[in-house]
Amino acid sequence: MRRTRGLTAALIYAVCLPLCLVGAQAQTVAGDEPVLGPPELRIQQSGLASGALSLWQIRRAGLHVFSARFRKSDGFGDGPVALGGRPLLQNNGTFLRINGLDAQSCLGCHDEISAAVTPVIKGVGGSAGIANSAMPMTRAIDVADFTGNGFAGFDGRLINPPALFGTGGVQLVAKEMTTVLQQQKQQALQTPGTEVRLRANGVDFGHIVADAQGNLDTSGVEGIDADLVVRPFGRKGEFASVRAFDVNALMFHMGLQPVEMVGADVDADNDGVSNEVTIGEVSALEIFVTTQERPRWTPLNSYAVSGARRFQQIGCADCHRPTMVTRSPYLTYSYPEVETDPSQNVFYSVDLRQQPAGFQQFGRGIVVPMFSDLKRHDMGPELAESLFSATDQQNREFITVRLWGVADTAPYLHDGRAFTLNEAILLHGGEAQTARDRYAALSVAGRNDVLAFLATLRNPESPNADVLNSP
């Protein structure tokens, strides 16, 4: 893994010093200090919003939050079980592993740039192998197969961590799609009794109808929640922004309580630590993640050209839409976020045409070659999860995975059950059954052409070099 030279606490503190005077730091035993630093030197939202920091400085601070191996002095953990904390594995006092408290840092689960070679290439912001998969909402696993059905019954979810490259472009596309869908919602409310088709960036999300009292019939909505907010992050399409994902991930994986969730100076989990992650730190983390390099597309040889054509012909591109085009190149950041109106409460903006994101301009916007429609689809019973609190339909639905970088991000599918792309395609079902069957019907040479095309969709070679290699 590329060494993060210079990312010492002292450097981060020096970057943030003019912005963050918030209190005093109690003395601690050497080595037990909070990794994020003393309270008076931590990054605050006012500093970000003031424009005093460059994008490089914000990315450097965000990298620190992303890579920090949090300690109990930072607030790691839920606090006492008797006061609402999760029970800990073997009463170890630290972690649970199943149903969260399963990581010490974001980097711990997003650290593989390429799994296409042996050994894998490690780096900041990548995907991960099966050992780093999360198991949320789990209550029971029948490892011994007491039911005698031939498999280990499991009532939670198993989620393999995806790569994070290019997420700024994804977030921008999703925000613009949400804006269009909200406009179509207003159109329906202004024309009672008229069926309004929901379409954004060429993706069909069904239809809505309003009555004269302003009530919306959303029974015709497809692949998106009834509030018509495009949520591109999470395997089920649960989060509208990286920020929304991050605050939940910090709490679930590490038991850290973001100030924006629990309030300032509040020890919500009774572990003796307040202000565990500041609003400014979450902002810096989101900006770092969303300004990483986009995945790349390597040159196509004759086999890959044939494979690209077959990819379209057999129907893969119906859901794995090769490109999306935005109306603007500027990704804005908001706090607090209003998911139905991303234009509210903006405190910062980034031009995604600039490095390190480096998206190509198209018209007034950018091209985002993510190979997804950002819509949930029924993937059939074979891929269904077994979450105890979900309906059968919810267990079968997943957002279309983005295929850019796919050559480097094995294992595949939501839970990593497919070790190869051929396996992953053949496991498709539900709405993808026809495309899957057409792929299976190809000759071996035809399938190899499709795989040769997918092999050109690569992760960036040296991501985050601007903040990793600087003095």
Foldseek 3Di string as FASTA:
>chain_A
DFFQPPLQLVVLLVLQQVAFQDDDFDDDDPPQAFQQDGRGRHHAPVCLLVPPDDLLSLLLLLVSQQPPQGDVNLVFFQADVVQPGDQDDVNPVQANCAAALNGRHNCVAAFFQFVLDPPTDTHGQAWHALVSWYWHLWDDWQCVPPVVPPHIDTATDTFGGHGLAQVLVVLQQQLQLLQQQLVQLVVQQVPAPDWGWRDGLRDTQFTWHAHPVGDIDCPGGAQDDSLSRQQQDDFASDHSAVLRVVQVNCCGHGVFHECVRPHAPDPPSPSPDGNSDYPSNSVSNRSNSNQKAHWAFADADPLLVLLVVLCVVLPLCVFQVQKGWGQAQKRWDAPPADRSNRVPRTSDIDRCCDPPHNFDDDDRTGIRRFRGPSGKFQFDDLQFDNHPVDDRRSRRITGPHGLQAVLGHADDDRNRPRRDPLVVLCSGDHVCNSSSVSLVPDDPSNVVSNVSNSNRRRGDDHMPCSSRVDD
